[in-house]
Amino acid sequence: MTKILKIDSSIKGPASVTRKLTDEIVAKLGGTVTERDTTSIPLIDGTWIGAAYTPKDARTAEQNATLALSDELIAEIKAAEVIVIGAPIYNFGVTGPLKAWIDQICRVGETFQYTEAGPQGLVGAKRVIVAYASGGVPLGSAYDLATAYIKQVLGFIGITDVSFVAAEGVAVDEAAAVARAEAQIAALAA
């Protein structure tokens, strides 16, 4: 069975369009699912950075505790074959909770490394499907600051197979926007 990691980042709970879409994508794909709601993930801080940049064998117990959630999140990514990400667009970009998850999973020596040629991703090949929902920002438009960022950060850790299912114009006609996204989901290869 396919191992799927489902990431939800909307603060709207059951009223979230992206949560509905990630559920539908996962149902379409089938497999075993690990679910991660990013709304409770803390922001990284100076203590976290200090721990992340301390060699593993030199970390204190406190530093290991600081990185425990990050280790768990990274293990979830590495174990998954497919990652389904709910990405509602707030003010032209990704949500704070999604950014907090991204910051926790981008770790030197774990998901990327620096080389003479620049950063190199360490996660390996994964398929990612992003459920994109916006009130009025079309996917790929000049105002869409989220999709290029998502592709860039996933590429940074070594994931380049990224596709989007878009519910655009939710603020104008939510039912029509969701119906268009559901048609894209129906066309996904399992």
N, C-alpha and C. Protein backbone atom coordinates (compact mmCIF):
# COMPACT_ATOMS: atom_id res chain seq x y z
N MET A 1 0.83 -1.18 0.00
CA MET A 1 0.00 0.00 0.00
C MET A 1 0.88 1.26 0.00
N THR A 2 0.40 2.26 -0.67
CA THR A 2 1.10 3.53 -0.74
C THR A 2 1.07 4.21 0.63
N LYS A 3 2.21 4.73 1.05
CA LYS A 3 2.30 5.47 2.32
C LYS A 3 2.12 6.95 2.01
N ILE A 4 1.06 7.52 2.58
CA ILE A 4 0.70 8.91 2.32
C ILE A 4 0.85 9.73 3.59
N LEU A 5 1.46 10.91 3.46
CA LEU A 5 1.51 11.88 4.54
C LEU A 5 0.59 13.02 4.15
N LYS A 6 -0.43 13.29 4.98
CA LYS A 6 -1.39 14.37 4.71
C LYS A 6 -1.10 15.52 5.66
N ILE A 7 -0.80 16.68 5.09
CA ILE A 7 -0.48 17.89 5.85
C ILE A 7 -1.62 18.89 5.68
N ASP A 8 -2.25 19.27 6.80
CA ASP A 8 -3.29 20.30 6.76
C ASP A 8 -2.79 21.53 7.50
N SER A 9 -3.07 22.72 6.92
CA SER A 9 -2.53 23.95 7.50
C SER A 9 -3.55 25.08 7.62
N SER A 10 -4.81 24.78 7.39
CA SER A 10 -5.83 25.81 7.50
C SER A 10 -6.23 26.01 8.95
N ILE A 11 -6.47 27.26 9.32
CA ILE A 11 -6.94 27.57 10.67
C ILE A 11 -8.46 27.53 10.75
N LYS A 12 -9.14 27.18 9.66
CA LYS A 12 -10.60 27.22 9.61
C LYS A 12 -11.27 25.93 10.07
N GLY A 13 -10.50 24.94 10.47
CA GLY A 13 -11.09 23.69 10.97
C GLY A 13 -12.01 23.04 9.95
N PRO A 14 -13.19 22.58 10.37
CA PRO A 14 -14.08 21.87 9.47
C PRO A 14 -14.62 22.73 8.31
N ALA A 15 -14.51 24.05 8.42
CA ALA A 15 -14.97 24.93 7.34
C ALA A 15 -13.91 25.10 6.25
N SER A 16 -12.77 24.45 6.40
CA SER A 16 -11.66 24.61 5.48
C SER A 16 -11.90 23.90 4.14
N VAL A 17 -11.70 24.63 3.07
CA VAL A 17 -11.77 24.04 1.73
C VAL A 17 -10.60 23.10 1.51
N THR A 18 -9.39 23.50 1.92
CA THR A 18 -8.24 22.63 1.66
C THR A 18 -8.31 21.33 2.45
N ARG A 19 -8.87 21.36 3.65
CA ARG A 19 -9.01 20.11 4.41
C ARG A 19 -9.96 19.15 3.69
N LYS A 20 -11.02 19.70 3.13
CA LYS A 20 -11.95 18.87 2.35
C LYS A 20 -11.22 18.27 1.14
N LEU A 21 -10.42 19.10 0.47
CA LEU A 21 -9.72 18.63 -0.73
C LEU A 21 -8.62 17.62 -0.39
N THR A 22 -7.87 17.84 0.70
CA THR A 22 -6.84 16.86 1.04
C THR A 22 -7.49 15.52 1.39
N ASP A 23 -8.63 15.56 2.07
CA ASP A 23 -9.35 14.31 2.36
C ASP A 23 -9.74 13.59 1.07
N GLU A 24 -10.23 14.34 0.10
CA GLU A 24 -10.66 13.74 -1.17
C GLU A 24 -9.46 13.20 -1.97
N ILE A 25 -8.35 13.91 -1.94
CA ILE A 25 -7.15 13.44 -2.65
C ILE A 25 -6.67 12.13 -2.04
N VAL A 26 -6.60 12.08 -0.72
CA VAL A 26 -6.17 10.87 -0.03
C VAL A 26 -7.10 9.70 -0.34
N ALA A 27 -8.41 9.96 -0.34
CA ALA A 27 -9.38 8.91 -0.66
C ALA A 27 -9.19 8.41 -2.09
N LYS A 28 -8.90 9.31 -3.00
CA LYS A 28 -8.68 8.95 -4.40
C LYS A 28 -7.42 8.08 -4.55
N LEU A 29 -6.36 8.44 -3.84
CA LEU A 29 -5.09 7.72 -3.97
C LEU A 29 -5.12 6.36 -3.28
N GLY A 30 -5.79 6.29 -2.14
CA GLY A 30 -5.78 5.06 -1.36
C GLY A 30 -4.42 4.82 -0.73
N GLY A 31 -4.36 4.03 0.32
CA GLY A 31 -3.10 3.73 0.99
C GLY A 31 -3.20 3.95 2.47
N THR A 32 -2.07 3.84 3.14
CA THR A 32 -2.02 4.12 4.57
C THR A 32 -1.67 5.58 4.76
N VAL A 33 -2.35 6.23 5.69
CA VAL A 33 -2.25 7.68 5.82
C VAL A 33 -1.75 8.07 7.21
N THR A 34 -0.75 8.95 7.23
CA THR A 34 -0.33 9.64 8.44
C THR A 34 -0.84 11.07 8.29
N GLU A 35 -1.57 11.55 9.28
CA GLU A 35 -2.13 12.90 9.21
C GLU A 35 -1.37 13.84 10.14
N ARG A 36 -1.11 15.03 9.64
CA ARG A 36 -0.41 16.04 10.44
C ARG A 36 -1.15 17.37 10.28
N ASP A 37 -1.67 17.87 11.40
CA ASP A 37 -2.29 19.20 11.44
C ASP A 37 -1.21 20.16 11.92
N THR A 38 -0.84 21.11 11.09
CA THR A 38 0.28 22.00 11.41
C THR A 38 -0.09 23.17 12.32
N THR A 39 -1.38 23.30 12.65
CA THR A 39 -1.79 24.49 13.41
C THR A 39 -1.24 24.55 14.82
N SER A 40 -0.67 23.45 15.32
CA SER A 40 -0.09 23.48 16.67
C SER A 40 1.43 23.43 16.65
N ILE A 41 2.03 23.50 15.47
CA ILE A 41 3.49 23.44 15.38
C ILE A 41 4.08 24.81 15.77
N PRO A 42 5.03 24.81 16.70
CA PRO A 42 5.61 26.09 17.13
C PRO A 42 6.59 26.65 16.09
N LEU A 43 6.77 27.96 16.16
CA LEU A 43 7.77 28.61 15.32
C LEU A 43 9.16 28.25 15.83
N ILE A 44 10.12 28.19 14.90
CA ILE A 44 11.50 27.98 15.33
C ILE A 44 12.02 29.27 15.95
N ASP A 45 13.07 29.14 16.76
CA ASP A 45 13.66 30.31 17.40
C ASP A 45 15.17 30.11 17.49
N GLY A 46 15.85 30.99 18.18
CA GLY A 46 17.30 30.92 18.29
C GLY A 46 17.78 29.64 18.97
N THR A 47 17.04 29.17 19.94
CA THR A 47 17.40 27.92 20.62
C THR A 47 17.33 26.76 19.64
N TRP A 48 16.28 26.75 18.81
CA TRP A 48 16.11 25.70 17.81
C TRP A 48 17.27 25.74 16.81
N ILE A 49 17.59 26.92 16.30
CA ILE A 49 18.70 27.07 15.34
C ILE A 49 20.00 26.57 15.96
N GLY A 50 20.25 26.97 17.20
CA GLY A 50 21.46 26.53 17.87
C GLY A 50 21.54 25.01 17.97
N ALA A 51 20.42 24.38 18.29
CA ALA A 51 20.38 22.92 18.38
C ALA A 51 20.56 22.27 17.01
N ALA A 52 19.89 22.82 16.00
CA ALA A 52 19.96 22.23 14.66
C ALA A 52 21.36 22.30 14.07
N TYR A 53 22.11 23.34 14.40
CA TYR A 53 23.46 23.49 13.86
C TYR A 53 24.55 22.93 14.76
N THR A 54 24.16 22.30 15.86
CA THR A 54 25.12 21.60 16.71
C THR A 54 25.22 20.17 16.19
N PRO A 55 26.42 19.64 15.99
CA PRO A 55 26.55 18.25 15.53
C PRO A 55 25.77 17.30 16.45
N LYS A 56 25.14 16.31 15.85
CA LYS A 56 24.27 15.39 16.58
C LYS A 56 24.95 14.80 17.81
N ASP A 57 26.19 14.39 17.67
CA ASP A 57 26.89 13.75 18.79
C ASP A 57 27.35 14.74 19.87
N ALA A 58 27.18 16.04 19.62
CA ALA A 58 27.59 17.05 20.60
C ALA A 58 26.39 17.75 21.25
N ARG A 59 25.17 17.36 20.88
CA ARG A 59 23.97 18.02 21.42
C ARG A 59 23.73 17.63 22.87
N THR A 60 23.22 18.60 23.59
CA THR A 60 22.82 18.35 24.98
C THR A 60 21.43 17.68 24.97
N ALA A 61 21.03 17.18 26.12
CA ALA A 61 19.69 16.60 26.25
C ALA A 61 18.63 17.66 25.93
N GLU A 62 18.87 18.89 26.37
CA GLU A 62 17.92 19.98 26.09
C GLU A 62 17.83 20.25 24.57
N GLN A 63 18.97 20.24 23.88
CA GLN A 63 18.96 20.45 22.43
C GLN A 63 18.22 19.31 21.72
N ASN A 64 18.43 18.08 22.16
CA ASN A 64 17.71 16.95 21.57
C ASN A 64 16.20 17.10 21.79
N ALA A 65 15.82 17.57 22.97
CA ALA A 65 14.40 17.79 23.25
C ALA A 65 13.84 18.91 22.36
N THR A 66 14.64 19.94 22.14
CA THR A 66 14.23 21.05 21.27
C THR A 66 13.94 20.56 19.85
N LEU A 67 14.71 19.59 19.39
CA LEU A 67 14.57 19.09 18.01
C LEU A 67 13.66 17.88 17.89
N ALA A 68 13.07 17.42 18.99
CA ALA A 68 12.26 16.19 18.96
C ALA A 68 11.10 16.27 17.96
N LEU A 69 10.36 17.37 17.95
CA LEU A 69 9.25 17.50 17.01
C LEU A 69 9.77 17.54 15.58
N SER A 70 10.83 18.30 15.34
CA SER A 70 11.43 18.36 14.01
C SER A 70 11.84 16.97 13.54
N ASP A 71 12.46 16.19 14.43
CA ASP A 71 12.85 14.82 14.09
C ASP A 71 11.63 13.99 13.68
N GLU A 72 10.54 14.15 14.43
CA GLU A 72 9.31 13.41 14.14
C GLU A 72 8.73 13.81 12.78
N LEU A 73 8.70 15.11 12.50
CA LEU A 73 8.16 15.60 11.23
C LEU A 73 9.02 15.13 10.05
N ILE A 74 10.32 15.16 10.22
CA ILE A 74 11.23 14.69 9.16
C ILE A 74 11.06 13.20 8.93
N ALA A 75 10.90 12.43 9.99
CA ALA A 75 10.68 10.98 9.86
C ALA A 75 9.40 10.71 9.08
N GLU A 76 8.36 11.51 9.30
CA GLU A 76 7.10 11.34 8.57
C GLU A 76 7.31 11.57 7.07
N ILE A 77 8.09 12.59 6.73
CA ILE A 77 8.35 12.87 5.31
C ILE A 77 9.15 11.74 4.69
N LYS A 78 10.19 11.31 5.36
CA LYS A 78 11.04 10.27 4.81
C LYS A 78 10.30 8.95 4.64
N ALA A 79 9.34 8.67 5.51
CA ALA A 79 8.58 7.41 5.45
C ALA A 79 7.52 7.44 4.35
N ALA A 80 7.09 8.62 3.94
CA ALA A 80 6.00 8.75 2.97
C ALA A 80 6.49 8.55 1.54
N GLU A 81 5.60 8.00 0.72
CA GLU A 81 5.84 7.92 -0.72
C GLU A 81 5.16 9.09 -1.42
N VAL A 82 4.00 9.48 -0.88
CA VAL A 82 3.22 10.60 -1.42
C VAL A 82 2.91 11.55 -0.27
N ILE A 83 3.06 12.84 -0.54
CA ILE A 83 2.72 13.87 0.45
C ILE A 83 1.62 14.73 -0.14
N VAL A 84 0.54 14.87 0.61
CA VAL A 84 -0.60 15.70 0.20
C VAL A 84 -0.63 16.89 1.15
N ILE A 85 -0.51 18.08 0.58
CA ILE A 85 -0.42 19.30 1.40
C ILE A 85 -1.62 20.20 1.12
N GLY A 86 -2.31 20.58 2.18
CA GLY A 86 -3.37 21.57 2.07
C GLY A 86 -2.76 22.95 2.22
N ALA A 87 -2.90 23.78 1.19
CA ALA A 87 -2.29 25.10 1.20
C ALA A 87 -3.32 26.18 0.90
N PRO A 88 -4.06 26.60 1.92
CA PRO A 88 -4.94 27.76 1.71
C PRO A 88 -4.06 29.00 1.57
N ILE A 89 -4.52 29.93 0.79
CA ILE A 89 -3.74 31.15 0.55
C ILE A 89 -4.30 32.27 1.41
N TYR A 90 -3.46 32.78 2.29
CA TYR A 90 -3.83 33.91 3.14
C TYR A 90 -2.92 35.07 2.76
N ASN A 91 -3.51 36.16 2.32
CA ASN A 91 -2.74 37.35 1.97
C ASN A 91 -1.62 37.04 0.97
N PHE A 92 -1.95 36.28 -0.05
CA PHE A 92 -1.09 35.96 -1.19
C PHE A 92 -0.04 34.89 -0.92
N GLY A 93 0.07 34.38 0.29
CA GLY A 93 1.11 33.40 0.60
C GLY A 93 0.59 32.23 1.40
N VAL A 94 1.52 31.39 1.86
CA VAL A 94 1.15 30.22 2.66
C VAL A 94 0.76 30.66 4.06
N THR A 95 0.06 29.81 4.75
CA THR A 95 -0.37 30.10 6.12
C THR A 95 0.82 30.07 7.07
N GLY A 96 0.68 30.72 8.21
CA GLY A 96 1.70 30.64 9.25
C GLY A 96 1.96 29.21 9.69
N PRO A 97 0.89 28.40 9.91
CA PRO A 97 1.13 27.01 10.30
C PRO A 97 1.91 26.21 9.25
N LEU A 98 1.66 26.43 7.97
CA LEU A 98 2.42 25.71 6.94
C LEU A 98 3.87 26.16 6.95
N LYS A 99 4.10 27.45 7.13
CA LYS A 99 5.47 27.96 7.22
C LYS A 99 6.18 27.39 8.43
N ALA A 100 5.49 27.24 9.56
CA ALA A 100 6.10 26.65 10.75
C ALA A 100 6.53 25.21 10.47
N TRP A 101 5.69 24.44 9.76
CA TRP A 101 6.04 23.06 9.39
C TRP A 101 7.26 23.05 8.48
N ILE A 102 7.26 23.94 7.48
CA ILE A 102 8.39 24.02 6.56
C ILE A 102 9.69 24.32 7.31
N ASP A 103 9.63 25.28 8.23
CA ASP A 103 10.84 25.62 8.98
C ASP A 103 11.33 24.45 9.83
N GLN A 104 10.41 23.66 10.35
CA GLN A 104 10.80 22.51 11.17
C GLN A 104 11.41 21.38 10.34
N ILE A 105 11.01 21.26 9.07
CA ILE A 105 11.51 20.14 8.25
C ILE A 105 12.75 20.50 7.43
N CYS A 106 13.07 21.75 7.29
CA CYS A 106 14.27 22.15 6.54
C CYS A 106 15.44 22.20 7.52
N ARG A 107 16.16 21.08 7.60
CA ARG A 107 17.26 20.98 8.57
C ARG A 107 18.53 20.50 7.92
N VAL A 108 19.57 21.29 8.11
CA VAL A 108 20.88 20.94 7.57
C VAL A 108 21.32 19.58 8.11
N GLY A 109 21.82 18.76 7.22
CA GLY A 109 22.27 17.43 7.59
C GLY A 109 21.18 16.39 7.67
N GLU A 110 19.93 16.83 7.66
CA GLU A 110 18.78 15.92 7.75
C GLU A 110 17.99 15.89 6.44
N THR A 111 17.59 17.07 5.96
CA THR A 111 16.81 17.13 4.72
C THR A 111 17.55 17.88 3.60
N PHE A 112 18.65 18.53 3.94
CA PHE A 112 19.50 19.15 2.92
C PHE A 112 20.91 19.25 3.47
N GLN A 113 21.85 19.45 2.57
CA GLN A 113 23.23 19.70 2.96
C GLN A 113 23.81 20.76 2.04
N TYR A 114 24.79 21.46 2.55
CA TYR A 114 25.51 22.44 1.74
C TYR A 114 26.69 21.74 1.08
N THR A 115 26.89 22.02 -0.20
CA THR A 115 28.00 21.47 -0.96
C THR A 115 28.71 22.61 -1.69
N GLU A 116 29.83 22.28 -2.33
CA GLU A 116 30.55 23.29 -3.13
C GLU A 116 29.66 23.86 -4.23
N ALA A 117 28.73 23.04 -4.72
CA ALA A 117 27.83 23.48 -5.79
C ALA A 117 26.56 24.14 -5.27
N GLY A 118 26.43 24.26 -3.95
CA GLY A 118 25.23 24.85 -3.35
C GLY A 118 24.45 23.81 -2.58
N PRO A 119 23.25 24.16 -2.10
CA PRO A 119 22.47 23.22 -1.32
C PRO A 119 22.06 21.99 -2.14
N GLN A 120 21.99 20.86 -1.45
CA GLN A 120 21.57 19.60 -2.08
C GLN A 120 20.51 18.96 -1.18
N GLY A 121 19.36 18.62 -1.78
CA GLY A 121 18.29 17.97 -1.02
C GLY A 121 18.64 16.54 -0.69
N LEU A 122 18.19 16.09 0.48
CA LEU A 122 18.50 14.75 0.95
C LEU A 122 17.26 13.85 1.10
N VAL A 123 16.08 14.40 0.87
CA VAL A 123 14.87 13.63 1.13
C VAL A 123 14.63 12.57 0.05
N GLY A 124 14.94 12.87 -1.18
CA GLY A 124 14.73 11.90 -2.25
C GLY A 124 13.40 12.07 -2.94
N ALA A 125 13.18 11.21 -3.90
CA ALA A 125 12.00 11.31 -4.75
C ALA A 125 10.72 11.00 -3.97
N LYS A 126 9.81 11.91 -4.02
CA LYS A 126 8.46 11.79 -3.45
C LYS A 126 7.51 12.47 -4.41
N ARG A 127 6.29 12.01 -4.42
CA ARG A 127 5.24 12.70 -5.17
C ARG A 127 4.51 13.62 -4.19
N VAL A 128 4.32 14.87 -4.58
CA VAL A 128 3.58 15.82 -3.74
C VAL A 128 2.40 16.36 -4.54
N ILE A 129 1.24 16.35 -3.90
CA ILE A 129 0.04 16.97 -4.48
C ILE A 129 -0.40 18.03 -3.49
N VAL A 130 -0.49 19.27 -3.96
CA VAL A 130 -0.87 20.39 -3.12
C VAL A 130 -2.30 20.79 -3.44
N ALA A 131 -3.14 20.83 -2.41
CA ALA A 131 -4.50 21.35 -2.55
C ALA A 131 -4.44 22.84 -2.27
N TYR A 132 -4.60 23.63 -3.31
CA TYR A 132 -4.47 25.10 -3.26
C TYR A 132 -5.88 25.68 -3.24
N ALA A 133 -6.16 26.55 -2.28
CA ALA A 133 -7.46 27.23 -2.26
C ALA A 133 -7.24 28.70 -1.97
N SER A 134 -7.87 29.54 -2.79
CA SER A 134 -7.74 30.98 -2.59
C SER A 134 -9.07 31.66 -2.82
N GLY A 135 -9.23 32.77 -2.13
CA GLY A 135 -10.45 33.56 -2.30
C GLY A 135 -10.55 34.15 -3.68
N GLY A 136 -9.43 34.59 -4.24
CA GLY A 136 -9.47 35.22 -5.54
C GLY A 136 -8.13 35.27 -6.26
N VAL A 137 -7.10 34.64 -5.71
CA VAL A 137 -5.77 34.68 -6.33
C VAL A 137 -5.61 33.44 -7.21
N PRO A 138 -5.61 33.60 -8.53
CA PRO A 138 -5.45 32.44 -9.41
C PRO A 138 -4.07 31.80 -9.27
N LEU A 139 -4.06 30.49 -9.30
CA LEU A 139 -2.82 29.72 -9.24
C LEU A 139 -1.88 30.18 -10.36
N GLY A 140 -0.65 30.48 -10.00
CA GLY A 140 0.34 30.87 -11.00
C GLY A 140 0.27 32.32 -11.45
N SER A 141 -0.66 33.09 -10.89
CA SER A 141 -0.76 34.50 -11.29
C SER A 141 0.36 35.31 -10.65
N ALA A 142 0.48 36.55 -11.07
CA ALA A 142 1.51 37.43 -10.51
C ALA A 142 1.31 37.65 -9.01
N TYR A 143 0.08 37.47 -8.53
CA TYR A 143 -0.21 37.68 -7.12
C TYR A 143 -0.05 36.42 -6.27
N ASP A 144 0.15 35.29 -6.94
CA ASP A 144 0.31 34.01 -6.24
C ASP A 144 1.76 33.87 -5.79
N LEU A 145 2.01 34.17 -4.53
CA LEU A 145 3.37 34.07 -3.98
C LEU A 145 3.61 32.70 -3.36
N ALA A 146 2.58 31.87 -3.30
CA ALA A 146 2.68 30.60 -2.58
C ALA A 146 3.21 29.44 -3.42
N THR A 147 2.75 29.29 -4.64
CA THR A 147 3.11 28.07 -5.38
C THR A 147 4.60 28.02 -5.72
N ALA A 148 5.17 29.13 -6.14
CA ALA A 148 6.62 29.13 -6.43
C ALA A 148 7.40 28.85 -5.16
N TYR A 149 6.96 29.41 -4.03
CA TYR A 149 7.63 29.18 -2.75
C TYR A 149 7.55 27.70 -2.36
N ILE A 150 6.37 27.10 -2.48
CA ILE A 150 6.21 25.69 -2.13
C ILE A 150 7.11 24.82 -3.00
N LYS A 151 7.12 25.07 -4.29
CA LYS A 151 7.99 24.29 -5.19
C LYS A 151 9.47 24.50 -4.84
N GLN A 152 9.85 25.74 -4.55
CA GLN A 152 11.24 26.04 -4.21
C GLN A 152 11.68 25.32 -2.94
N VAL A 153 10.89 25.41 -1.89
CA VAL A 153 11.29 24.82 -0.62
C VAL A 153 11.29 23.30 -0.69
N LEU A 154 10.35 22.71 -1.43
CA LEU A 154 10.37 21.25 -1.58
C LEU A 154 11.56 20.82 -2.44
N GLY A 155 11.87 21.57 -3.47
CA GLY A 155 13.06 21.28 -4.28
C GLY A 155 14.33 21.40 -3.47
N PHE A 156 14.36 22.34 -2.55
CA PHE A 156 15.51 22.56 -1.67
C PHE A 156 15.83 21.30 -0.85
N ILE A 157 14.78 20.55 -0.46
CA ILE A 157 15.01 19.33 0.31
C ILE A 157 15.02 18.08 -0.58
N GLY A 158 14.91 18.29 -1.90
CA GLY A 158 15.09 17.18 -2.83
C GLY A 158 13.82 16.64 -3.47
N ILE A 159 12.69 17.31 -3.28
CA ILE A 159 11.42 16.84 -3.85
C ILE A 159 11.04 17.74 -5.02
N THR A 160 10.97 17.15 -6.21
CA THR A 160 10.68 17.96 -7.40
C THR A 160 9.39 17.57 -8.12
N ASP A 161 8.77 16.46 -7.74
CA ASP A 161 7.51 16.02 -8.36
C ASP A 161 6.35 16.65 -7.59
N VAL A 162 6.01 17.88 -7.96
CA VAL A 162 5.00 18.66 -7.23
C VAL A 162 3.91 19.08 -8.21
N SER A 163 2.66 18.72 -7.89
CA SER A 163 1.53 19.16 -8.70
C SER A 163 0.49 19.82 -7.81
N PHE A 164 -0.40 20.58 -8.42
CA PHE A 164 -1.40 21.36 -7.68
C PHE A 164 -2.80 21.03 -8.15
N VAL A 165 -3.72 20.99 -7.19
CA VAL A 165 -5.16 20.93 -7.43
C VAL A 165 -5.67 22.26 -6.90
N ALA A 166 -6.36 23.03 -7.75
CA ALA A 166 -6.69 24.40 -7.36
C ALA A 166 -8.18 24.67 -7.25
N ALA A 167 -8.55 25.22 -6.10
CA ALA A 167 -9.89 25.77 -5.90
C ALA A 167 -9.72 27.28 -5.85
N GLU A 168 -9.85 27.89 -7.01
CA GLU A 168 -9.62 29.33 -7.14
C GLU A 168 -10.96 30.08 -7.13
N GLY A 169 -10.99 31.22 -6.47
CA GLY A 169 -12.20 32.03 -6.45
C GLY A 169 -13.21 31.59 -5.41
N VAL A 170 -12.71 31.03 -4.31
CA VAL A 170 -13.59 30.54 -3.24
C VAL A 170 -14.46 31.68 -2.69
N ALA A 171 -13.94 32.89 -2.62
CA ALA A 171 -14.69 34.03 -2.08
C ALA A 171 -15.82 34.47 -3.01
N VAL A 172 -15.69 34.14 -4.29
CA VAL A 172 -16.69 34.54 -5.27
C VAL A 172 -17.78 33.49 -5.39
N ASP A 173 -17.39 32.22 -5.56
CA ASP A 173 -18.34 31.12 -5.71
C ASP A 173 -17.66 29.84 -5.20
N GLU A 174 -17.78 29.60 -3.90
CA GLU A 174 -17.08 28.47 -3.29
C GLU A 174 -17.48 27.14 -3.92
N ALA A 175 -18.77 26.95 -4.17
CA ALA A 175 -19.22 25.67 -4.73
C ALA A 175 -18.59 25.42 -6.09
N ALA A 176 -18.53 26.43 -6.93
CA ALA A 176 -17.93 26.26 -8.26
C ALA A 176 -16.43 26.04 -8.15
N ALA A 177 -15.77 26.76 -7.26
CA ALA A 177 -14.32 26.59 -7.08
C ALA A 177 -14.00 25.18 -6.61
N VAL A 178 -14.77 24.68 -5.66
CA VAL A 178 -14.55 23.32 -5.14
C VAL A 178 -14.86 22.30 -6.22
N ALA A 179 -15.91 22.52 -6.99
CA ALA A 179 -16.27 21.58 -8.07
C ALA A 179 -15.14 21.49 -9.11
N ARG A 180 -14.51 22.61 -9.43
CA ARG A 180 -13.38 22.59 -10.37
C ARG A 180 -12.21 21.80 -9.79
N ALA A 181 -11.95 22.00 -8.51
CA ALA A 181 -10.87 21.25 -7.86
C ALA A 181 -11.20 19.76 -7.81
N GLU A 182 -12.44 19.43 -7.53
CA GLU A 182 -12.85 18.02 -7.47
C GLU A 182 -12.71 17.34 -8.83
N ALA A 183 -12.93 18.09 -9.89
CA ALA A 183 -12.73 17.53 -11.24
C ALA A 183 -11.25 17.23 -11.46
N GLN A 184 -10.39 18.08 -10.95
CA GLN A 184 -8.93 17.83 -11.05
C GLN A 184 -8.54 16.61 -10.21
N ILE A 185 -9.16 16.45 -9.07
CA ILE A 185 -8.88 15.29 -8.22
C ILE A 185 -9.32 14.01 -8.93
N ALA A 186 -10.49 14.04 -9.56
CA ALA A 186 -11.01 12.87 -10.26
C ALA A 186 -10.06 12.44 -11.38
N ALA A 187 -9.32 13.41 -11.94
CA ALA A 187 -8.40 13.09 -13.04
C ALA A 187 -7.02 12.63 -12.56
N LEU A 188 -6.77 12.69 -11.25
CA LEU A 188 -5.47 12.27 -10.73
C LEU A 188 -5.26 10.78 -10.94
N ALA A 189 -4.05 10.41 -11.26
CA ALA A 189 -3.69 8.99 -11.32
C ALA A 189 -3.44 8.52 -9.90
N ALA A 190 -3.98 7.36 -9.59
CA ALA A 190 -3.81 6.83 -8.22
C ALA A 190 -2.41 6.29 -8.03
